[in-house]
């Protein structure tokens, strides 16, 4: 007897995944789809590089995870993976991190948020991110 396998229906993305995707998109949109360190244009606007959205102070703290001031748009390879996340060259990674802090100007603000790790309502975060996307798209 032949067994027929039915494809499982695609799972709906979790609220956290949707918020992560929106935050990632917003960081790139806010930067005009260009690296904020080098100014290189991303594929989205005809450039040749892949962009990455980087959390300056990490993302384990939800107050920081979805805060747009904790994000910077980088060339995904030379500045992100082989720059700030370079495990083979910690000195270079530290140099990139310091450049990012200097560029963002948000060190004191982000340091303050690090002290507060409280419960975050992801439904409200998603509403906030949707509104920010609408605002930025209107400006284009």
Protein backbone atom coordinates (compact mmCIF):
# COMPACT_ATOMS: atom_id res chain seq x y z
CA UNK A 1 0.00 0.00 0.00
CA UNK A 2 1.33 3.42 -0.99
CA UNK A 3 1.58 6.09 1.68
CA UNK A 4 0.72 9.57 0.58
CA UNK A 5 2.38 12.31 2.60
CA UNK A 6 0.57 15.55 2.90
CA UNK A 7 2.59 18.68 3.21
CA UNK A 8 2.22 20.28 6.57
CA UNK A 9 0.74 23.76 6.38
CA UNK A 10 3.30 26.48 6.85
CA UNK A 11 3.45 27.67 10.40
CA UNK A 12 2.56 31.25 10.99
CA UNK A 13 5.61 33.23 12.07
CA UNK A 14 5.83 33.97 15.75
CA UNK A 15 5.28 37.49 16.97
CA UNK A 16 8.96 37.69 17.96
CA UNK A 17 10.06 36.62 14.44
CA UNK A 18 7.77 39.20 12.84
CA UNK A 19 9.12 41.93 15.12
CA UNK A 20 12.72 40.88 14.37
CA UNK A 21 12.07 41.05 10.60
CA UNK A 22 10.41 44.45 10.88
CA UNK A 23 13.24 45.82 13.03
CA UNK A 24 15.80 44.52 10.50
CA UNK A 25 13.92 46.14 7.61
CA UNK A 26 13.52 49.42 9.51
CA UNK A 27 17.23 49.72 10.27
CA UNK A 28 18.02 49.35 6.55
CA UNK A 29 15.17 51.65 5.48
CA UNK A 30 16.25 54.33 7.98
CA UNK A 31 19.78 54.17 6.51
CA UNK A 32 18.48 54.53 2.95
CA UNK A 33 19.65 50.98 2.18
CA UNK A 34 23.27 52.07 2.48
CA UNK A 35 25.99 51.07 4.92
CA UNK A 36 26.10 53.71 7.63
CA UNK A 37 29.89 53.32 8.00
CA UNK A 38 31.09 53.13 4.40
CA UNK A 39 28.13 54.60 2.49
CA UNK A 40 28.09 51.61 0.11
CA UNK A 41 24.72 51.05 -1.57
CA UNK A 42 22.86 47.82 -0.93
CA UNK A 43 21.21 45.59 -3.51
CA UNK A 44 17.82 47.13 -2.69
CA UNK A 45 18.83 50.39 -4.42
CA UNK A 46 21.00 49.00 -7.19
CA UNK A 47 24.23 48.53 -5.29
CA UNK A 48 26.29 45.38 -5.18
CA UNK A 49 26.51 44.63 -1.47
CA UNK A 50 24.30 42.69 0.90
CA UNK A 51 23.37 44.70 3.95
CA UNK A 52 23.03 43.50 7.51
CA UNK A 53 21.20 45.11 10.41
CA UNK A 54 23.43 44.99 13.46
CA UNK A 55 22.39 45.33 17.11
CA UNK A 56 24.98 47.64 18.65
CA UNK A 57 24.47 46.38 22.22
CA UNK A 58 23.07 42.96 21.47
CA UNK A 59 19.52 41.74 21.55
CA UNK A 60 19.02 39.61 24.66
CA UNK A 61 17.47 42.60 26.44
CA UNK A 62 14.09 43.25 24.79
CA UNK A 63 14.25 46.96 25.64
CA UNK A 64 17.31 47.12 23.39
CA UNK A 65 16.32 44.45 20.85
CA UNK A 66 13.64 46.56 19.14
CA UNK A 67 14.99 50.04 19.82
CA UNK A 68 16.00 51.60 16.51
CA UNK A 69 18.83 53.52 18.18
CA UNK A 70 20.39 50.13 18.94
CA UNK A 71 20.64 49.32 15.23
CA UNK A 72 23.04 50.19 12.47
CA UNK A 73 23.05 49.15 8.82
CA UNK A 74 26.36 47.63 7.71
CA UNK A 75 27.94 45.88 4.74
CA UNK A 76 27.05 42.34 5.81
CA UNK A 77 30.49 40.92 5.05
CA UNK A 78 33.31 43.44 5.38
CA UNK A 79 31.81 45.41 8.27
CA UNK A 80 29.45 42.98 9.96
CA UNK A 81 30.69 39.38 9.79
CA UNK A 82 34.39 40.11 9.14
CA UNK A 83 34.29 43.39 11.05
CA UNK A 84 32.41 43.73 14.31
CA UNK A 85 31.81 39.94 14.62
CA UNK A 86 35.34 38.91 13.61
CA UNK A 87 36.25 36.11 16.02
CA UNK A 88 39.67 35.64 14.42
CA UNK A 89 40.74 39.22 15.01
CA UNK A 90 39.31 40.63 18.25
CA UNK A 91 41.29 43.86 17.88
CA UNK A 92 39.63 44.54 14.52
CA UNK A 93 36.22 43.64 15.94
CA UNK A 94 36.79 46.09 18.80
CA UNK A 95 37.88 48.78 16.35
CA UNK A 96 34.63 48.33 14.39
CA UNK A 97 32.58 48.38 17.59
CA UNK A 98 34.19 51.68 18.64
CA UNK A 99 33.54 53.16 15.17
CA UNK A 100 29.90 52.12 15.46
CA UNK A 101 29.55 53.67 18.94
CA UNK A 102 31.11 56.88 17.70
CA UNK A 103 28.92 56.98 14.59
CA UNK A 104 25.67 56.19 16.41
CA UNK A 105 26.20 58.66 19.24
CA UNK A 106 23.85 56.55 21.35
CA UNK A 107 26.27 55.12 23.93
CA UNK A 108 24.83 56.92 26.99
CA UNK A 109 21.25 56.22 25.93
CA UNK A 110 21.92 52.52 25.32
CA UNK A 111 23.93 52.19 28.54
CA UNK A 112 20.89 53.53 30.39
CA UNK A 113 18.55 51.01 28.76
CA UNK A 114 20.87 48.14 29.68
CA UNK A 115 19.99 48.72 33.32
CA UNK A 116 16.30 48.05 32.64
CA UNK A 117 15.49 44.52 31.57
CA UNK A 118 11.76 44.44 32.06
CA UNK A 119 8.93 42.59 30.38
CA UNK A 120 8.18 43.86 26.88
CA UNK A 121 4.78 43.55 25.22
CA UNK A 122 5.64 42.30 21.72
CA UNK A 123 2.17 43.20 20.41
CA UNK A 124 2.89 46.84 21.24
CA UNK A 125 6.38 46.52 19.77
CA UNK A 126 4.90 45.26 16.50
CA UNK A 127 2.45 48.20 16.38
CA UNK A 128 5.35 50.60 17.02
CA UNK A 129 7.49 49.02 14.28
CA UNK A 130 4.59 49.07 11.79
CA UNK A 131 4.02 52.77 12.51
CA UNK A 132 7.72 53.56 12.09
CA UNK A 133 7.77 51.76 8.73
CA UNK A 134 4.73 53.76 7.56
CA UNK A 135 6.36 57.05 8.67
CA UNK A 136 9.62 56.33 6.87
CA UNK A 137 7.90 55.12 3.68
CA UNK A 138 5.84 58.35 3.55
CA UNK A 139 9.09 60.34 3.53
CA UNK A 140 10.36 58.54 0.42
